[in-house]
Structures are given as structure tokens and as C-alpha cells.
Amino acid sequence: MTQGHLTATRIIAAQIYSALPKELKAEVNLPDLQQAAMLHDYGKVLIPKEILNKKGTLTQEEKKIIELHSEFGYELLKQQGVKDNVLNLIKYHHQKPDGSGYPTVNQDFKYDLSVQILEAADKYSALTEDRPYHKARTKNEALDIIQKDVDSGIISQAVFDALKKGIY
């Protein structure tokens, strides 16, 4: 987790929001979305650095440990008095509409427009920056990868169109 990634995710989320049609903007609380974008990876402070910075493929056990970061962040920030809406965005930013992402969903889960925006912004930011396990991809390469999320129903066409409009 780097400050650069968190800031980039916040900026991209705001750009997506700004490029949405007016009727969809009404569904999103921008201050909550931006706060969640800045805090979405907070739980990674509890993930061992050797796993976070591993250059090769993660083992199944290491993947399970990484996947705990959203729940860790949720629990740590809940103790700090962060709003429920922000906490749920942090907790579910790797969740899918059918509940097949992580963490396991419960009654507080709703896959709304804000989750989609955070998912798209986080993924785009991660794809376009150098990581220990991959080189930064170009804008078009990142968009091609995210297009697969649109095709599978994870991200709506409206959010994807707003992402493209926002970054160009």
C-alpha cells in the first residue's frame, strides 16, 4: 500500500463520479467515496511485507492472507469512528455483485454504484503503476483488462464509460 496508490484511486474515483450522468451521481455520496478510496487498503498494514512485496506468484495461503486486508481495514477503522457507509465500501471493494469476491458477504452487503466506482478506480490505479509482481500497464491495456469486468457484469457500462472519459 502506498500513498501514491491511495491518492490515485481517490482522484480516479472522483473523475469517474464527475463523468457520470447526473441521475447516477445522485446515487453516490462523493465525500464518502473519496474517504473510502483513501482508506481502502488500510488493512494492509497488518499483512506481512514479504507477502505484499512478493515478486512471484502468490501461493493459495498467501492469497488468503492478502484477502484479509479489506476486513482488517474495516475492523481497524470501525474502532476509529469511521462512518458505516465508508466502512462498507472499504470492506467490500473486492466483492462481486453475486457475492463471489471477498470477504464473505452478510446482510450489510449491497453492490451499489459506489462499490463499482471504487473497484474500477482501484483496479485502474493498480494496473497502471509498477508493482513488485508486474510492470505498469498503459491506459489502453488497463482498460482492456477492466472491459472484461464490464463483460462479466462486475462493473456497469456507465461506470466504465465514465472511467474512460475521466482519464482522457
C-alpha atoms as a PDB file:
ATOM      1  CA  MET A   1       0.000   0.000   0.000  1.00  0.00           C
ATOM      2  CA  THR A   2       1.423   3.350  -0.983  1.00  0.00           C
ATOM      3  CA  GLN A   3       0.178   6.881  -0.524  1.00  0.00           C
ATOM      4  CA  GLY A   4       0.529   7.285  -4.296  1.00  0.00           C
ATOM      5  CA  HIS A   5      -1.869   4.410  -4.998  1.00  0.00           C
ATOM      6  CA  LEU A   6      -4.409   5.674  -2.473  1.00  0.00           C
ATOM      7  CA  THR A   7      -4.272   9.217  -3.825  1.00  0.00           C
ATOM      8  CA  ALA A   8      -4.524   7.984  -7.413  1.00  0.00           C
ATOM      9  CA  THR A   9      -7.510   5.806  -6.507  1.00  0.00           C
ATOM     10  CA  ARG A  10      -9.231   8.803  -4.871  1.00  0.00           C
ATOM     11  CA  ILE A  11      -8.587  11.026  -7.890  1.00  0.00           C
ATOM     12  CA  ILE A  12      -9.754   8.388 -10.375  1.00  0.00           C
ATOM     13  CA  ALA A  13     -12.895   7.722  -8.320  1.00  0.00           C
ATOM     14  CA  ALA A  14     -13.667  11.462  -8.368  1.00  0.00           C
ATOM     15  CA  GLN A  15     -13.038  11.573 -12.132  1.00  0.00           C
ATOM     16  CA  ILE A  16     -15.429   8.664 -12.654  1.00  0.00           C
ATOM     17  CA  TYR A  17     -18.041  10.379 -10.495  1.00  0.00           C
ATOM     18  CA  SER A  18     -17.627  13.653 -12.403  1.00  0.00           C
ATOM     19  CA  ALA A  19     -18.116  11.898 -15.751  1.00  0.00           C
ATOM     20  CA  LEU A  20     -21.296  10.064 -14.688  1.00  0.00           C
ATOM     21  CA  PRO A  21     -24.691  11.184 -15.941  1.00  0.00           C
ATOM     22  CA  LYS A  22     -26.454  13.483 -13.457  1.00  0.00           C
ATOM     23  CA  GLU A  23     -29.078  10.869 -12.489  1.00  0.00           C
ATOM     24  CA  LEU A  24     -26.346   8.383 -11.481  1.00  0.00           C
ATOM     25  CA  LYS A  25     -24.399  10.990  -9.493  1.00  0.00           C
ATOM     26  CA  ALA A  26     -27.428  11.223  -7.202  1.00  0.00           C
ATOM     27  CA  GLU A  27     -26.766   7.613  -6.111  1.00  0.00           C
ATOM     28  CA  VAL A  28     -23.228   8.375  -4.887  1.00  0.00           C
ATOM     29  CA  ASN A  29     -22.018  10.210  -1.794  1.00  0.00           C
ATOM     30  CA  LEU A  30     -18.790  11.682  -3.191  1.00  0.00           C
ATOM     31  CA  PRO A  31     -17.154  12.599   0.156  1.00  0.00           C
ATOM     32  CA  ASP A  32     -17.746   9.048   1.452  1.00  0.00           C
ATOM     33  CA  LEU A  33     -16.428   7.562  -1.797  1.00  0.00           C
ATOM     34  CA  GLN A  34     -13.290   9.692  -1.645  1.00  0.00           C
ATOM     35  CA  GLN A  35     -12.673   8.842   2.005  1.00  0.00           C
ATOM     36  CA  ALA A  36     -13.104   5.135   1.239  1.00  0.00           C
ATOM     37  CA  ALA A  37     -10.705   5.436  -1.697  1.00  0.00           C
ATOM     38  CA  MET A  38      -8.057   6.940   0.596  1.00  0.00           C
ATOM     39  CA  LEU A  39      -8.573   4.224   3.213  1.00  0.00           C
ATOM     40  CA  HIS A  40      -9.485   1.132   1.149  1.00  0.00           C
ATOM     41  CA  ASP A  41      -6.142  -0.607   1.655  1.00  0.00           C
ATOM     42  CA  TYR A  42      -5.648   0.448   5.290  1.00  0.00           C
ATOM     43  CA  GLY A  43      -5.845  -3.178   6.428  1.00  0.00           C
ATOM     44  CA  LYS A  44      -2.651  -3.964   4.513  1.00  0.00           C
ATOM     45  CA  VAL A  45      -0.712  -2.579   7.488  1.00  0.00           C
ATOM     46  CA  LEU A  46      -1.406  -5.976   9.088  1.00  0.00           C
ATOM     47  CA  ILE A  47      -0.265  -8.039   6.076  1.00  0.00           C
ATOM     48  CA  PRO A  48       3.366  -9.248   6.190  1.00  0.00           C
ATOM     49  CA  LYS A  49       5.602  -7.154   3.908  1.00  0.00           C
ATOM     50  CA  GLU A  50       7.147 -10.264   2.351  1.00  0.00           C
ATOM     51  CA  ILE A  51       3.704 -11.221   1.032  1.00  0.00           C
ATOM     52  CA  LEU A  52       2.753  -7.688  -0.072  1.00  0.00           C
ATOM     53  CA  ASN A  53       6.042  -7.230  -1.914  1.00  0.00           C
ATOM     54  CA  LYS A  54       6.475 -10.745  -3.308  1.00  0.00           C
ATOM     55  CA  LYS A  55       7.718 -10.672  -6.888  1.00  0.00           C
ATOM     56  CA  GLY A  56       6.396 -14.043  -7.949  1.00  0.00           C
ATOM     57  CA  THR A  57       3.008 -15.697  -7.903  1.00  0.00           C
ATOM     58  CA  LEU A  58       1.336 -15.906  -4.512  1.00  0.00           C
ATOM     59  CA  THR A  59       0.550 -19.299  -3.040  1.00  0.00           C
ATOM     60  CA  GLN A  60      -3.072 -20.068  -2.159  1.00  0.00           C
ATOM     61  CA  GLU A  61      -2.275 -19.448   1.505  1.00  0.00           C
ATOM     62  CA  GLU A  62      -0.649 -16.087   0.700  1.00  0.00           C
ATOM     63  CA  LYS A  63      -3.704 -15.093  -1.385  1.00  0.00           C
ATOM     64  CA  LYS A  64      -5.950 -15.892   1.583  1.00  0.00           C
ATOM     65  CA  ILE A  65      -3.794 -13.678   3.798  1.00  0.00           C
ATOM     66  CA  ILE A  66      -3.871 -10.778   1.297  1.00  0.00           C
ATOM     67  CA  GLU A  67      -7.647 -11.129   1.020  1.00  0.00           C
ATOM     68  CA  LEU A  68      -7.945 -10.378   4.732  1.00  0.00           C
ATOM     69  CA  HIS A  69      -6.867  -6.751   4.194  1.00  0.00           C
ATOM     70  CA  SER A  70     -10.368  -5.439   3.493  1.00  0.00           C
ATOM     71  CA  GLU A  71     -11.773  -6.993   6.680  1.00  0.00           C
ATOM     72  CA  PHE A  72      -8.741  -5.856   8.681  1.00  0.00           C
ATOM     73  CA  GLY A  73      -9.210  -2.302   7.414  1.00  0.00           C
ATOM     74  CA  TYR A  74     -12.915  -2.431   8.214  1.00  0.00           C
ATOM     75  CA  GLU A  75     -12.281  -3.588  11.788  1.00  0.00           C
ATOM     76  CA  LEU A  76      -9.424  -1.148  12.454  1.00  0.00           C
ATOM     77  CA  LEU A  77     -11.312   1.835  11.085  1.00  0.00           C
ATOM     78  CA  LYS A  78     -14.572   0.893  12.812  1.00  0.00           C
ATOM     79  CA  GLN A  79     -12.730   1.455  16.078  1.00  0.00           C
ATOM     80  CA  GLN A  80     -11.803   4.943  14.856  1.00  0.00           C
ATOM     81  CA  GLY A  81     -15.399   6.030  14.321  1.00  0.00           C
ATOM     82  CA  VAL A  82     -15.414   5.973  10.516  1.00  0.00           C
ATOM     83  CA  LYS A  83     -18.948   6.196   9.048  1.00  0.00           C
ATOM     84  CA  ASP A  84     -20.750   2.937   8.218  1.00  0.00           C
ATOM     85  CA  ASN A  85     -21.087   3.807   4.524  1.00  0.00           C
ATOM     86  CA  VAL A  86     -17.321   4.351   4.227  1.00  0.00           C
ATOM     87  CA  LEU A  87     -16.604   1.202   6.232  1.00  0.00           C
ATOM     88  CA  ASN A  88     -18.790  -0.907   3.933  1.00  0.00           C
ATOM     89  CA  LEU A  89     -17.067   0.477   0.835  1.00  0.00           C
ATOM     90  CA  ILE A  90     -13.703  -0.435   2.371  1.00  0.00           C
ATOM     91  CA  LYS A  91     -14.902  -3.874   3.400  1.00  0.00           C
ATOM     92  CA  TYR A  92     -16.456  -4.766   0.040  1.00  0.00           C
ATOM     93  CA  HIS A  93     -14.159  -3.101  -2.503  1.00  0.00           C
ATOM     94  CA  HIS A  94     -13.124  -6.566  -3.772  1.00  0.00           C
ATOM     95  CA  GLN A  95     -16.609  -8.050  -3.740  1.00  0.00           C
ATOM     96  CA  LYS A  96     -18.617  -9.015  -6.814  1.00  0.00           C
ATOM     97  CA  PRO A  97     -22.341  -8.460  -7.457  1.00  0.00           C
ATOM     98  CA  ASP A  98     -23.075 -12.153  -6.916  1.00  0.00           C
ATOM     99  CA  GLY A  99     -21.092 -12.270  -3.652  1.00  0.00           C
ATOM    100  CA  SER A 100     -18.233 -14.311  -5.152  1.00  0.00           C
ATOM    101  CA  GLY A 101     -15.468 -11.855  -4.223  1.00  0.00           C
ATOM    102  CA  TYR A 102     -14.030 -11.331  -0.771  1.00  0.00           C
ATOM    103  CA  PRO A 103     -14.753 -11.095   2.107  1.00  0.00           C
ATOM    104  CA  THR A 104     -17.788 -13.307   2.574  1.00  0.00           C
ATOM    105  CA  VAL A 105     -20.893 -11.151   2.437  1.00  0.00           C
ATOM    106  CA  ASN A 106     -23.541 -10.750   5.105  1.00  0.00           C
ATOM    107  CA  GLN A 107     -26.726  -8.723   5.465  1.00  0.00           C
ATOM    108  CA  ASP A 108     -24.908  -5.364   5.209  1.00  0.00           C
ATOM    109  CA  PHE A 109     -23.651  -6.086   1.670  1.00  0.00           C
ATOM    110  CA  LYS A 110     -25.033  -4.183  -1.251  1.00  0.00           C
ATOM    111  CA  TYR A 111     -23.233  -3.950  -4.558  1.00  0.00           C
ATOM    112  CA  ASP A 112     -24.060  -0.395  -5.465  1.00  0.00           C
ATOM    113  CA  LEU A 113     -22.654   2.220  -7.792  1.00  0.00           C
ATOM    114  CA  SER A 114     -20.128   3.447  -5.209  1.00  0.00           C
ATOM    115  CA  VAL A 115     -18.628  -0.047  -4.845  1.00  0.00           C
ATOM    116  CA  GLN A 116     -18.334  -0.297  -8.636  1.00  0.00           C
ATOM    117  CA  ILE A 117     -16.614   3.093  -8.839  1.00  0.00           C
ATOM    118  CA  LEU A 118     -14.158   2.177  -6.080  1.00  0.00           C
ATOM    119  CA  GLU A 119     -13.498  -1.219  -7.712  1.00  0.00           C
ATOM    120  CA  ALA A 120     -12.833   0.395 -11.103  1.00  0.00           C
ATOM    121  CA  ALA A 121     -10.660   3.183  -9.671  1.00  0.00           C
ATOM    122  CA  ASP A 122      -8.625   0.798  -7.502  1.00  0.00           C
ATOM    123  CA  LYS A 123      -8.097  -1.665 -10.334  1.00  0.00           C
ATOM    124  CA  TYR A 124      -7.158   1.013 -12.868  1.00  0.00           C
ATOM    125  CA  SER A 125      -4.703   2.594 -10.419  1.00  0.00           C
ATOM    126  CA  ALA A 126      -3.118  -0.758  -9.549  1.00  0.00           C
ATOM    127  CA  LEU A 127      -2.804  -1.794 -13.183  1.00  0.00           C
ATOM    128  CA  THR A 128      -1.161   1.448 -14.293  1.00  0.00           C
ATOM    129  CA  GLU A 129       1.534   1.545 -11.627  1.00  0.00           C
ATOM    130  CA  ASP A 130       4.630  -0.565 -11.168  1.00  0.00           C
ATOM    131  CA  ARG A 131       4.204  -3.312  -8.607  1.00  0.00           C
ATOM    132  CA  PRO A 132       6.712  -5.930  -7.428  1.00  0.00           C
ATOM    133  CA  TYR A 133       4.756  -8.547  -9.380  1.00  0.00           C
ATOM    134  CA  HIS A 134       4.072  -6.584 -12.615  1.00  0.00           C
ATOM    135  CA  LYS A 135       5.186  -3.584 -14.631  1.00  0.00           C
ATOM    136  CA  ALA A 136       2.806  -0.689 -15.123  1.00  0.00           C
ATOM    137  CA  ARG A 137       0.394  -1.177 -17.985  1.00  0.00           C
ATOM    138  CA  THR A 138      -0.639   1.507 -20.423  1.00  0.00           C
ATOM    139  CA  LYS A 139      -4.041   3.193 -20.168  1.00  0.00           C
ATOM    140  CA  ASN A 140      -5.358   1.104 -23.044  1.00  0.00           C
ATOM    141  CA  GLU A 141      -4.020  -2.174 -21.608  1.00  0.00           C
ATOM    142  CA  ALA A 142      -5.642  -1.382 -18.261  1.00  0.00           C
ATOM    143  CA  LEU A 143      -8.934  -0.502 -19.944  1.00  0.00           C
ATOM    144  CA  ASP A 144      -8.841  -3.766 -21.922  1.00  0.00           C
ATOM    145  CA  ILE A 145      -8.491  -5.695 -18.657  1.00  0.00           C
ATOM    146  CA  ILE A 146     -11.297  -3.738 -16.971  1.00  0.00           C
ATOM    147  CA  GLN A 147     -13.504  -4.254 -20.039  1.00  0.00           C
ATOM    148  CA  LYS A 148     -13.603  -7.941 -19.009  1.00  0.00           C
ATOM    149  CA  ASP A 149     -15.228  -6.833 -15.727  1.00  0.00           C
ATOM    150  CA  VAL A 150     -17.861  -4.998 -17.746  1.00  0.00           C
ATOM    151  CA  ASP A 151     -18.432  -8.053 -19.936  1.00  0.00           C
ATOM    152  CA  SER A 152     -18.914 -10.244 -16.857  1.00  0.00           C
ATOM    153  CA  GLY A 153     -21.264  -7.779 -15.120  1.00  0.00           C
ATOM    154  CA  ILE A 154     -18.892  -6.741 -12.322  1.00  0.00           C
ATOM    155  CA  ILE A 155     -18.679  -3.127 -13.469  1.00  0.00           C
ATOM    156  CA  SER A 156     -21.521  -1.381 -15.285  1.00  0.00           C
ATOM    157  CA  GLN A 157     -21.067   0.109 -18.717  1.00  0.00           C
ATOM    158  CA  ALA A 158     -21.902   3.531 -17.252  1.00  0.00           C
ATOM    159  CA  VAL A 159     -19.023   3.319 -14.741  1.00  0.00           C
ATOM    160  CA  PHE A 160     -16.639   2.060 -17.429  1.00  0.00           C
ATOM    161  CA  ASP A 161     -17.631   4.849 -19.819  1.00  0.00           C
ATOM    162  CA  ALA A 162     -17.136   7.384 -17.027  1.00  0.00           C
ATOM    163  CA  LEU A 163     -13.702   5.885 -16.250  1.00  0.00           C
ATOM    164  CA  LYS A 164     -12.644   6.250 -19.893  1.00  0.00           C
ATOM    165  CA  LYS A 165     -13.996   9.783 -20.079  1.00  0.00           C
ATOM    166  CA  GLY A 166     -12.396  10.726 -16.764  1.00  0.00           C
ATOM    167  CA  ILE A 167      -8.876   9.532 -17.582  1.00  0.00           C
ATOM    168  CA  TYR A 168      -8.689  11.007 -21.087  1.00  0.00           C
END
